[in-house]
Amino acid sequence: MPAVEADRSGVLAKFRFGSSDFLPMSIAMESPNPEIAPMIDGIVRDVISTMTRIPIARSEQDPTPHSFGVNGLAGVVGLAGSLAANVHLVLSQATSHRLVAGMIGMDDLSDSDVRDGIGEFTNMIAGGLKNRLDAKGFRLRLTVPTLLRGEDVQVTAKGFTFGSTNLIWLEGDPDPLRVAVFAKMESQ
């Protein structure tokens, strides 16, 4: 199937659909500069605690992002400025529904409610990262959230040099939600 390439400030992300179209990373990512994984862990915990009160069972950090699959929904928000980055929130359909239901306080959700809610969660996480990086001297702007939906969607970074992947398990959910950040310094 054809690839979709998105070019934002010279940074490319390739999306391939179907397991046979998986793209390996074209470059090895270096350790984060700044250390993004601990920031994301704290931000996600704060957002979920504040917005849903759903307990987090556990989390894991992988400082080396890699290609990942989407089987459900993924929200994407870009950061632009002294660094370029994409923040991806990836969830199963069931976890998406549970998170948004916890945020708005009702279980009877339309597809539109879930899409809007995941876009808002992604925006809150990206905004939290932007604020923490701004406090470290970076000057950044956010893009509007974009939503990917599907089964066997593969997302691979190209042109990014550092980032993180965080896996967070909500209490009672078998599948984690994933936050993947792909980034590069503006001068790279």
N, C-alpha and C. Protein backbone atom coordinates (compact mmCIF):
# COMPACT_ATOMS: atom_id res chain seq x y z
N MET A 1 0.84 -1.18 0.00
CA MET A 1 0.00 0.00 0.00
C MET A 1 0.89 1.24 0.00
N PRO A 2 0.39 2.38 -0.44
CA PRO A 2 1.22 3.57 -0.52
C PRO A 2 1.52 4.16 0.85
N ALA A 3 2.66 4.84 0.93
CA ALA A 3 3.06 5.52 2.17
C ALA A 3 2.53 6.94 2.14
N VAL A 4 2.32 7.50 3.31
CA VAL A 4 1.96 8.90 3.46
C VAL A 4 3.13 9.56 4.15
N GLU A 5 3.71 10.60 3.54
CA GLU A 5 4.84 11.29 4.14
C GLU A 5 4.40 12.68 4.53
N ALA A 6 4.74 13.08 5.76
CA ALA A 6 4.41 14.41 6.25
C ALA A 6 5.71 15.15 6.52
N ASP A 7 5.93 16.28 5.87
CA ASP A 7 7.14 17.05 6.05
C ASP A 7 6.82 18.29 6.86
N ARG A 8 7.36 18.35 8.07
CA ARG A 8 7.16 19.52 8.94
C ARG A 8 8.54 20.05 9.29
N SER A 9 8.88 21.20 8.76
CA SER A 9 10.15 21.85 9.05
C SER A 9 11.33 20.92 8.77
N GLY A 10 11.27 20.17 7.68
CA GLY A 10 12.37 19.30 7.33
C GLY A 10 12.39 17.97 8.06
N VAL A 11 11.38 17.69 8.86
CA VAL A 11 11.32 16.45 9.62
C VAL A 11 10.25 15.58 8.99
N LEU A 12 10.58 14.35 8.71
CA LEU A 12 9.67 13.45 8.02
C LEU A 12 9.21 12.33 8.92
N ALA A 13 7.95 12.00 8.87
CA ALA A 13 7.42 10.80 9.51
C ALA A 13 6.74 10.02 8.41
N LYS A 14 7.04 8.75 8.27
CA LYS A 14 6.41 7.93 7.24
C LYS A 14 5.40 7.01 7.89
N PHE A 15 4.25 6.89 7.29
CA PHE A 15 3.21 6.00 7.77
C PHE A 15 2.99 4.95 6.70
N ARG A 16 3.07 3.70 7.08
CA ARG A 16 2.78 2.61 6.15
C ARG A 16 1.64 1.80 6.73
N PHE A 17 0.76 1.36 5.88
CA PHE A 17 -0.41 0.63 6.32
C PHE A 17 -0.25 -0.84 5.98
N GLY A 18 -0.54 -1.70 6.96
CA GLY A 18 -0.43 -3.14 6.77
C GLY A 18 0.89 -3.67 7.27
N SER A 19 0.89 -4.83 7.89
CA SER A 19 2.09 -5.37 8.50
C SER A 19 3.19 -5.65 7.49
N SER A 20 2.87 -5.92 6.24
CA SER A 20 3.90 -6.20 5.25
C SER A 20 4.63 -4.95 4.79
N ASP A 21 4.14 -3.77 5.14
CA ASP A 21 4.76 -2.52 4.73
C ASP A 21 5.56 -1.86 5.84
N PHE A 22 5.93 -2.59 6.87
CA PHE A 22 6.67 -2.04 8.01
C PHE A 22 7.99 -1.43 7.54
N LEU A 23 8.28 -0.24 8.01
CA LEU A 23 9.53 0.43 7.69
C LEU A 23 10.46 0.41 8.90
N PRO A 24 11.67 -0.12 8.79
CA PRO A 24 12.60 -0.04 9.91
C PRO A 24 13.12 1.39 10.04
N MET A 25 13.66 1.73 11.21
CA MET A 25 14.24 3.05 11.41
C MET A 25 15.39 3.24 10.45
N SER A 26 15.51 4.40 9.84
CA SER A 26 16.60 4.67 8.91
C SER A 26 17.84 5.16 9.65
N ILE A 27 17.67 5.63 10.88
CA ILE A 27 18.81 6.06 11.69
C ILE A 27 18.62 5.55 13.10
N ALA A 28 19.71 5.37 13.80
CA ALA A 28 19.64 5.01 15.22
C ALA A 28 19.47 6.29 16.01
N MET A 29 18.54 6.28 16.95
CA MET A 29 18.32 7.47 17.76
C MET A 29 19.34 7.51 18.89
N GLU A 30 19.81 8.71 19.20
CA GLU A 30 20.74 8.90 20.29
C GLU A 30 19.96 9.03 21.58
N SER A 31 20.66 9.03 22.71
CA SER A 31 19.98 9.25 23.97
C SER A 31 19.39 10.65 23.96
N PRO A 32 18.27 10.83 24.67
CA PRO A 32 17.57 12.11 24.61
C PRO A 32 18.43 13.30 25.02
N ASN A 33 18.28 14.43 24.33
CA ASN A 33 18.88 15.68 24.74
C ASN A 33 17.85 16.78 24.74
N PRO A 34 16.98 17.02 25.47
CA PRO A 34 16.91 16.74 26.90
C PRO A 34 16.26 15.38 27.21
N GLU A 35 16.32 14.99 28.44
CA GLU A 35 15.78 13.71 28.88
C GLU A 35 14.25 13.79 28.87
N ILE A 36 13.64 13.28 27.81
CA ILE A 36 12.21 13.43 27.61
C ILE A 36 11.38 12.38 28.36
N ALA A 37 11.85 11.14 28.43
CA ALA A 37 11.06 10.05 29.01
C ALA A 37 10.56 10.35 30.43
N PRO A 38 11.40 10.82 31.35
CA PRO A 38 10.86 11.12 32.69
C PRO A 38 9.84 12.26 32.69
N MET A 39 10.04 13.23 31.79
CA MET A 39 9.07 14.33 31.68
C MET A 39 7.71 13.78 31.26
N ILE A 40 7.71 12.94 30.21
CA ILE A 40 6.45 12.38 29.70
C ILE A 40 5.77 11.54 30.77
N ASP A 41 6.53 10.73 31.51
CA ASP A 41 5.94 9.90 32.55
C ASP A 41 5.19 10.78 33.57
N GLY A 42 5.84 11.84 34.03
CA GLY A 42 5.19 12.74 34.99
C GLY A 42 3.99 13.47 34.41
N ILE A 43 4.11 13.91 33.17
CA ILE A 43 3.01 14.63 32.51
C ILE A 43 1.79 13.72 32.36
N VAL A 44 2.00 12.50 31.85
CA VAL A 44 0.88 11.58 31.65
C VAL A 44 0.22 11.25 32.98
N ARG A 45 1.02 11.00 34.00
CA ARG A 45 0.45 10.72 35.33
C ARG A 45 -0.39 11.91 35.82
N ASP A 46 0.13 13.13 35.66
CA ASP A 46 -0.61 14.33 36.08
C ASP A 46 -1.91 14.49 35.30
N VAL A 47 -1.84 14.33 33.98
CA VAL A 47 -3.03 14.53 33.13
C VAL A 47 -4.09 13.49 33.46
N ILE A 48 -3.71 12.22 33.54
CA ILE A 48 -4.70 11.17 33.80
C ILE A 48 -5.28 11.31 35.20
N SER A 49 -4.44 11.62 36.17
CA SER A 49 -4.93 11.79 37.55
C SER A 49 -5.90 12.97 37.65
N THR A 50 -5.54 14.08 37.04
CA THR A 50 -6.37 15.28 37.11
C THR A 50 -7.67 15.13 36.32
N MET A 51 -7.58 14.55 35.11
CA MET A 51 -8.72 14.54 34.21
C MET A 51 -9.64 13.34 34.40
N THR A 52 -9.12 12.20 34.91
CA THR A 52 -9.95 11.00 34.95
C THR A 52 -10.02 10.31 36.30
N ARG A 53 -9.02 10.51 37.11
CA ARG A 53 -8.89 9.80 38.40
C ARG A 53 -8.74 8.29 38.21
N ILE A 54 -8.41 7.82 37.00
CA ILE A 54 -8.15 6.40 36.76
C ILE A 54 -6.74 6.11 37.28
N PRO A 55 -6.61 5.12 38.15
CA PRO A 55 -5.27 4.80 38.68
C PRO A 55 -4.36 4.20 37.60
N ILE A 56 -3.09 4.53 37.69
CA ILE A 56 -2.09 3.96 36.80
C ILE A 56 -1.46 2.79 37.53
N ALA A 57 -1.48 1.62 36.88
CA ALA A 57 -0.93 0.41 37.49
C ALA A 57 0.60 0.41 37.44
N ARG A 58 1.16 0.77 36.29
CA ARG A 58 2.62 0.80 36.16
C ARG A 58 2.99 1.53 34.88
N SER A 59 4.26 1.87 34.78
CA SER A 59 4.76 2.49 33.55
C SER A 59 6.19 2.03 33.31
N GLU A 60 6.59 2.09 32.05
CA GLU A 60 7.95 1.77 31.63
C GLU A 60 8.42 2.86 30.68
N GLN A 61 9.72 3.13 30.71
CA GLN A 61 10.30 4.12 29.81
C GLN A 61 11.32 3.46 28.92
N ASP A 62 11.28 3.80 27.65
CA ASP A 62 12.27 3.35 26.69
C ASP A 62 12.85 4.61 26.05
N PRO A 63 14.08 4.98 26.41
CA PRO A 63 14.63 6.23 25.88
C PRO A 63 14.94 6.21 24.40
N THR A 64 14.86 5.07 23.75
CA THR A 64 15.15 4.98 22.32
C THR A 64 13.86 4.70 21.57
N PRO A 65 13.25 5.71 20.97
CA PRO A 65 12.02 5.45 20.22
C PRO A 65 12.30 4.62 18.98
N HIS A 66 11.31 3.91 18.56
CA HIS A 66 11.41 3.10 17.36
C HIS A 66 10.05 3.07 16.70
N SER A 67 9.98 2.45 15.59
CA SER A 67 8.70 2.33 14.90
C SER A 67 7.68 1.67 15.81
N PHE A 68 6.44 2.05 15.65
CA PHE A 68 5.40 1.43 16.46
C PHE A 68 4.15 1.25 15.63
N GLY A 69 3.31 0.34 16.08
CA GLY A 69 2.06 0.08 15.39
C GLY A 69 0.90 0.74 16.08
N VAL A 70 -0.12 1.02 15.32
CA VAL A 70 -1.37 1.56 15.85
C VAL A 70 -2.46 0.55 15.55
N ASN A 71 -3.12 0.09 16.59
CA ASN A 71 -4.29 -0.78 16.47
C ASN A 71 -5.38 -0.14 17.32
N GLY A 72 -5.96 0.88 16.81
CA GLY A 72 -6.94 1.66 17.55
C GLY A 72 -6.83 3.11 17.13
N LEU A 73 -6.43 3.96 18.07
CA LEU A 73 -6.33 5.40 17.81
C LEU A 73 -4.95 5.92 18.18
N ALA A 74 -4.53 6.97 17.49
CA ALA A 74 -3.31 7.69 17.85
C ALA A 74 -3.54 9.16 17.62
N GLY A 75 -3.30 9.95 18.64
CA GLY A 75 -3.31 11.39 18.50
C GLY A 75 -1.88 11.85 18.27
N VAL A 76 -1.69 12.88 17.44
CA VAL A 76 -0.36 13.40 17.14
C VAL A 76 -0.42 14.92 17.25
N VAL A 77 0.54 15.48 18.00
CA VAL A 77 0.70 16.93 18.08
C VAL A 77 2.17 17.23 17.82
N GLY A 78 2.43 18.20 16.95
CA GLY A 78 3.80 18.60 16.65
C GLY A 78 4.24 19.76 17.52
N LEU A 79 5.55 19.82 17.74
CA LEU A 79 6.19 20.95 18.41
C LEU A 79 7.17 21.55 17.41
N ALA A 80 7.21 22.86 17.31
CA ALA A 80 8.12 23.53 16.40
C ALA A 80 8.76 24.70 17.12
N GLY A 81 10.00 24.98 16.77
CA GLY A 81 10.74 26.09 17.36
C GLY A 81 12.20 25.71 17.46
N SER A 82 12.78 25.81 18.67
CA SER A 82 14.19 25.49 18.84
C SER A 82 14.46 24.00 18.74
N LEU A 83 13.40 23.21 18.71
CA LEU A 83 13.49 21.80 18.32
C LEU A 83 12.22 21.46 17.57
N ALA A 84 12.28 20.40 16.79
CA ALA A 84 11.11 19.90 16.08
C ALA A 84 10.77 18.53 16.67
N ALA A 85 9.51 18.29 16.96
CA ALA A 85 9.12 17.02 17.57
C ALA A 85 7.69 16.68 17.22
N ASN A 86 7.38 15.39 17.29
CA ASN A 86 6.01 14.90 17.20
C ASN A 86 5.74 14.10 18.46
N VAL A 87 4.62 14.38 19.10
CA VAL A 87 4.18 13.66 20.29
C VAL A 87 3.00 12.79 19.87
N HIS A 88 3.13 11.48 20.04
CA HIS A 88 2.10 10.51 19.64
C HIS A 88 1.51 9.87 20.89
N LEU A 89 0.20 9.90 21.02
CA LEU A 89 -0.52 9.16 22.07
C LEU A 89 -1.23 8.02 21.36
N VAL A 90 -0.86 6.78 21.66
CA VAL A 90 -1.36 5.61 20.95
C VAL A 90 -2.12 4.72 21.93
N LEU A 91 -3.38 4.40 21.59
CA LEU A 91 -4.23 3.63 22.49
C LEU A 91 -5.10 2.64 21.71
N SER A 92 -5.50 1.58 22.40
CA SER A 92 -6.50 0.68 21.82
C SER A 92 -7.84 1.41 21.85
N GLN A 93 -8.79 0.91 21.10
CA GLN A 93 -10.13 1.50 21.09
C GLN A 93 -10.74 1.46 22.48
N ALA A 94 -10.58 0.33 23.20
CA ALA A 94 -11.16 0.18 24.54
C ALA A 94 -10.54 1.16 25.53
N THR A 95 -9.21 1.32 25.48
CA THR A 95 -8.55 2.26 26.39
C THR A 95 -8.93 3.70 26.05
N SER A 96 -9.06 4.00 24.75
CA SER A 96 -9.49 5.33 24.33
C SER A 96 -10.85 5.66 24.92
N HIS A 97 -11.78 4.72 24.80
CA HIS A 97 -13.13 4.92 25.32
C HIS A 97 -13.10 5.11 26.84
N ARG A 98 -12.34 4.28 27.53
CA ARG A 98 -12.27 4.38 29.00
C ARG A 98 -11.69 5.73 29.44
N LEU A 99 -10.64 6.17 28.78
CA LEU A 99 -10.00 7.44 29.14
C LEU A 99 -10.94 8.62 28.93
N VAL A 100 -11.60 8.65 27.77
CA VAL A 100 -12.51 9.76 27.47
C VAL A 100 -13.75 9.70 28.36
N ALA A 101 -14.27 8.50 28.61
CA ALA A 101 -15.41 8.36 29.52
C ALA A 101 -15.05 8.88 30.90
N GLY A 102 -13.83 8.59 31.37
CA GLY A 102 -13.39 9.10 32.66
C GLY A 102 -13.26 10.62 32.67
N MET A 103 -12.89 11.19 31.54
CA MET A 103 -12.72 12.64 31.46
C MET A 103 -14.06 13.36 31.48
N ILE A 104 -15.05 12.84 30.72
CA ILE A 104 -16.31 13.58 30.63
C ILE A 104 -17.39 13.04 31.56
N GLY A 105 -17.09 11.93 32.24
CA GLY A 105 -18.01 11.42 33.26
C GLY A 105 -19.22 10.69 32.75
N MET A 106 -19.13 10.10 31.54
CA MET A 106 -20.25 9.30 31.03
C MET A 106 -19.71 8.23 30.10
N ASP A 107 -20.43 7.10 30.05
CA ASP A 107 -19.99 5.96 29.23
C ASP A 107 -20.57 5.95 27.83
N ASP A 108 -21.68 6.63 27.61
CA ASP A 108 -22.33 6.62 26.30
C ASP A 108 -21.66 7.67 25.41
N LEU A 109 -20.62 7.23 24.67
CA LEU A 109 -19.82 8.16 23.86
C LEU A 109 -20.00 7.88 22.38
N SER A 110 -20.05 8.92 21.60
CA SER A 110 -20.05 8.77 20.14
C SER A 110 -18.60 8.66 19.67
N ASP A 111 -18.41 8.23 18.43
CA ASP A 111 -17.05 8.20 17.85
C ASP A 111 -16.43 9.59 17.88
N SER A 112 -17.23 10.59 17.63
CA SER A 112 -16.76 11.97 17.66
C SER A 112 -16.27 12.37 19.05
N ASP A 113 -17.01 11.95 20.10
CA ASP A 113 -16.59 12.23 21.47
C ASP A 113 -15.21 11.63 21.74
N VAL A 114 -15.02 10.38 21.32
CA VAL A 114 -13.75 9.69 21.57
C VAL A 114 -12.62 10.37 20.79
N ARG A 115 -12.85 10.69 19.53
CA ARG A 115 -11.83 11.38 18.73
C ARG A 115 -11.46 12.72 19.35
N ASP A 116 -12.46 13.51 19.71
CA ASP A 116 -12.19 14.82 20.32
C ASP A 116 -11.45 14.67 21.64
N GLY A 117 -11.86 13.69 22.43
CA GLY A 117 -11.22 13.47 23.74
C GLY A 117 -9.77 13.05 23.60
N ILE A 118 -9.47 12.16 22.67
CA ILE A 118 -8.08 11.72 22.47
C ILE A 118 -7.24 12.87 21.91
N GLY A 119 -7.82 13.68 21.04
CA GLY A 119 -7.12 14.88 20.57
C GLY A 119 -6.79 15.81 21.73
N GLU A 120 -7.74 15.95 22.66
CA GLU A 120 -7.52 16.83 23.82
C GLU A 120 -6.46 16.24 24.76
N PHE A 121 -6.51 14.93 25.01
CA PHE A 121 -5.47 14.31 25.84
C PHE A 121 -4.08 14.49 25.20
N THR A 122 -4.00 14.27 23.90
CA THR A 122 -2.72 14.43 23.20
C THR A 122 -2.24 15.87 23.32
N ASN A 123 -3.14 16.81 23.16
CA ASN A 123 -2.79 18.23 23.28
C ASN A 123 -2.31 18.57 24.69
N MET A 124 -2.95 17.99 25.72
CA MET A 124 -2.52 18.25 27.10
C MET A 124 -1.12 17.69 27.35
N ILE A 125 -0.85 16.50 26.83
CA ILE A 125 0.47 15.89 27.02
C ILE A 125 1.54 16.69 26.27
N ALA A 126 1.27 17.04 25.02
CA ALA A 126 2.22 17.84 24.24
C ALA A 126 2.40 19.22 24.87
N GLY A 127 1.32 19.81 25.37
CA GLY A 127 1.41 21.11 26.03
C GLY A 127 2.24 21.04 27.31
N GLY A 128 2.07 19.94 28.05
CA GLY A 128 2.89 19.75 29.25
C GLY A 128 4.36 19.63 28.90
N LEU A 129 4.67 18.89 27.82
CA LEU A 129 6.07 18.78 27.39
C LEU A 129 6.60 20.13 26.93
N LYS A 130 5.79 20.85 26.18
CA LYS A 130 6.20 22.19 25.73
C LYS A 130 6.54 23.08 26.92
N ASN A 131 5.68 23.08 27.94
CA ASN A 131 5.92 23.92 29.12
C ASN A 131 7.20 23.52 29.85
N ARG A 132 7.44 22.22 29.99
CA ARG A 132 8.67 21.77 30.68
C ARG A 132 9.91 22.11 29.86
N LEU A 133 9.82 21.98 28.55
CA LEU A 133 10.97 22.32 27.71
C LEU A 133 11.17 23.83 27.65
N ASP A 134 10.08 24.61 27.62
CA ASP A 134 10.20 26.07 27.68
C ASP A 134 10.93 26.50 28.95
N ALA A 135 10.67 25.83 30.07
CA ALA A 135 11.33 26.15 31.34
C ALA A 135 12.83 25.85 31.28
N LYS A 136 13.25 25.01 30.33
CA LYS A 136 14.67 24.70 30.15
C LYS A 136 15.31 25.56 29.05
N GLY A 137 14.58 26.57 28.57
CA GLY A 137 15.14 27.50 27.60
C GLY A 137 14.73 27.27 26.16
N PHE A 138 13.96 26.24 25.89
CA PHE A 138 13.47 26.02 24.53
C PHE A 138 12.28 26.95 24.28
N ARG A 139 12.09 27.36 23.06
CA ARG A 139 10.94 28.17 22.69
C ARG A 139 10.18 27.41 21.63
N LEU A 140 8.97 26.98 21.98
CA LEU A 140 8.23 26.06 21.12
C LEU A 140 6.80 26.51 20.88
N ARG A 141 6.23 26.04 19.77
CA ARG A 141 4.82 26.23 19.44
C ARG A 141 4.21 24.86 19.19
N LEU A 142 2.92 24.73 19.44
CA LEU A 142 2.20 23.47 19.22
C LEU A 142 1.42 23.53 17.92
N THR A 143 1.27 22.37 17.28
CA THR A 143 0.37 22.26 16.14
C THR A 143 -1.00 21.79 16.63
N VAL A 144 -1.96 21.81 15.75
CA VAL A 144 -3.29 21.30 16.05
C VAL A 144 -3.21 19.77 16.10
N PRO A 145 -3.93 19.12 17.03
CA PRO A 145 -3.89 17.65 17.09
C PRO A 145 -4.43 17.01 15.81
N THR A 146 -3.81 15.90 15.43
CA THR A 146 -4.26 15.08 14.31
C THR A 146 -4.56 13.70 14.86
N LEU A 147 -5.55 13.02 14.32
CA LEU A 147 -5.91 11.69 14.80
C LEU A 147 -5.71 10.66 13.70
N LEU A 148 -5.02 9.57 14.06
CA LEU A 148 -4.89 8.41 13.18
C LEU A 148 -5.78 7.32 13.76
N ARG A 149 -6.49 6.61 12.90
CA ARG A 149 -7.35 5.52 13.36
C ARG A 149 -7.18 4.36 12.40
N GLY A 150 -7.04 3.15 12.96
CA GLY A 150 -6.95 1.99 12.09
C GLY A 150 -6.31 0.81 12.78
N GLU A 151 -6.17 -0.24 12.01
CA GLU A 151 -5.53 -1.47 12.46
C GLU A 151 -4.27 -1.68 11.61
N ASP A 152 -3.22 -2.14 12.23
CA ASP A 152 -1.96 -2.43 11.54
C ASP A 152 -1.37 -1.20 10.85
N VAL A 153 -1.52 -0.03 11.45
CA VAL A 153 -0.88 1.19 10.95
C VAL A 153 0.51 1.25 11.59
N GLN A 154 1.55 1.40 10.78
CA GLN A 154 2.91 1.49 11.29
C GLN A 154 3.39 2.93 11.17
N VAL A 155 3.98 3.46 12.24
CA VAL A 155 4.53 4.81 12.26
C VAL A 155 6.03 4.69 12.50
N THR A 156 6.81 5.30 11.63
CA THR A 156 8.26 5.24 11.71
C THR A 156 8.81 6.65 11.56
N ALA A 157 9.81 6.98 12.36
CA ALA A 157 10.43 8.31 12.30
C ALA A 157 11.55 8.33 11.27
N LYS A 158 11.72 9.47 10.63
CA LYS A 158 12.84 9.69 9.73
C LYS A 158 13.30 11.12 9.93
N GLY A 159 14.56 11.31 10.20
CA GLY A 159 15.10 12.64 10.39
C GLY A 159 15.15 13.10 11.84
N PHE A 160 14.56 12.34 12.74
CA PHE A 160 14.60 12.68 14.15
C PHE A 160 15.86 12.06 14.75
N THR A 161 16.43 12.67 15.78
CA THR A 161 17.68 12.18 16.36
C THR A 161 17.57 11.75 17.82
N PHE A 162 16.49 12.09 18.49
CA PHE A 162 16.31 11.64 19.87
C PHE A 162 14.83 11.63 20.21
N GLY A 163 14.51 11.08 21.36
CA GLY A 163 13.12 11.02 21.78
C GLY A 163 12.92 9.98 22.87
N SER A 164 11.70 9.52 22.99
CA SER A 164 11.39 8.53 24.03
C SER A 164 10.11 7.79 23.67
N THR A 165 9.96 6.65 24.31
CA THR A 165 8.71 5.91 24.25
C THR A 165 8.34 5.53 25.68
N ASN A 166 7.15 5.90 26.10
CA ASN A 166 6.66 5.55 27.43
C ASN A 166 5.44 4.66 27.27
N LEU A 167 5.41 3.58 28.03
CA LEU A 167 4.25 2.69 28.09
C LEU A 167 3.62 2.85 29.46
N ILE A 168 2.31 3.10 29.49
CA ILE A 168 1.58 3.32 30.74
C ILE A 168 0.36 2.41 30.76
N TRP A 169 0.25 1.59 31.81
CA TRP A 169 -0.88 0.68 31.96
C TRP A 169 -1.85 1.29 32.97
N LEU A 170 -3.09 1.52 32.54
CA LEU A 170 -4.13 1.95 33.45
C LEU A 170 -4.58 0.73 34.25
N GLU A 171 -4.91 0.94 35.50
CA GLU A 171 -5.35 -0.18 36.34
C GLU A 171 -6.53 -0.89 35.67
N GLY A 172 -6.42 -2.21 35.51
CA GLY A 172 -7.49 -3.00 34.92
C GLY A 172 -7.43 -3.15 33.41
N ASP A 173 -6.54 -2.43 32.73
CA ASP A 173 -6.43 -2.53 31.27
C ASP A 173 -5.26 -3.45 30.90
N PRO A 174 -5.49 -4.43 30.01
CA PRO A 174 -4.40 -5.32 29.62
C PRO A 174 -3.39 -4.65 28.67
N ASP A 175 -3.86 -3.67 27.90
CA ASP A 175 -3.00 -3.01 26.92
C ASP A 175 -2.54 -1.65 27.44
N PRO A 176 -1.27 -1.33 27.25
CA PRO A 176 -0.80 -0.02 27.68
C PRO A 176 -1.19 1.07 26.70
N LEU A 177 -1.20 2.30 27.18
CA LEU A 177 -1.21 3.41 26.25
C LEU A 177 0.26 3.76 26.03
N ARG A 178 0.58 4.25 24.86
CA ARG A 178 1.97 4.54 24.51
C ARG A 178 2.07 6.02 24.16
N VAL A 179 3.11 6.65 24.68
CA VAL A 179 3.44 8.01 24.26
C VAL A 179 4.83 7.95 23.64
N ALA A 180 4.90 8.20 22.35
CA ALA A 180 6.17 8.20 21.63
C ALA A 180 6.47 9.62 21.19
N VAL A 181 7.68 10.07 21.49
CA VAL A 181 8.12 11.41 21.11
C VAL A 181 9.34 11.24 20.21
N PHE A 182 9.26 11.80 19.01
CA PHE A 182 10.39 11.81 18.08
C PHE A 182 10.81 13.27 17.96
N ALA A 183 12.11 13.56 18.12
CA ALA A 183 12.54 14.96 18.13
C ALA A 183 13.92 15.14 17.49
N LYS A 184 14.21 16.37 17.14
CA LYS A 184 15.55 16.77 16.70
C LYS A 184 15.73 18.24 17.03
N MET A 185 16.96 18.60 17.33
CA MET A 185 17.26 20.00 17.59
C MET A 185 17.18 20.75 16.27
N GLU A 186 16.78 22.02 16.32
CA GLU A 186 16.62 22.80 15.10
C GLU A 186 17.90 22.85 14.28
N SER A 187 19.04 22.88 14.93
CA SER A 187 20.32 23.00 14.22
C SER A 187 20.81 21.68 13.64
N GLN A 188 20.11 20.55 13.93
CA GLN A 188 20.57 19.25 13.43
C GLN A 188 19.99 18.93 12.08
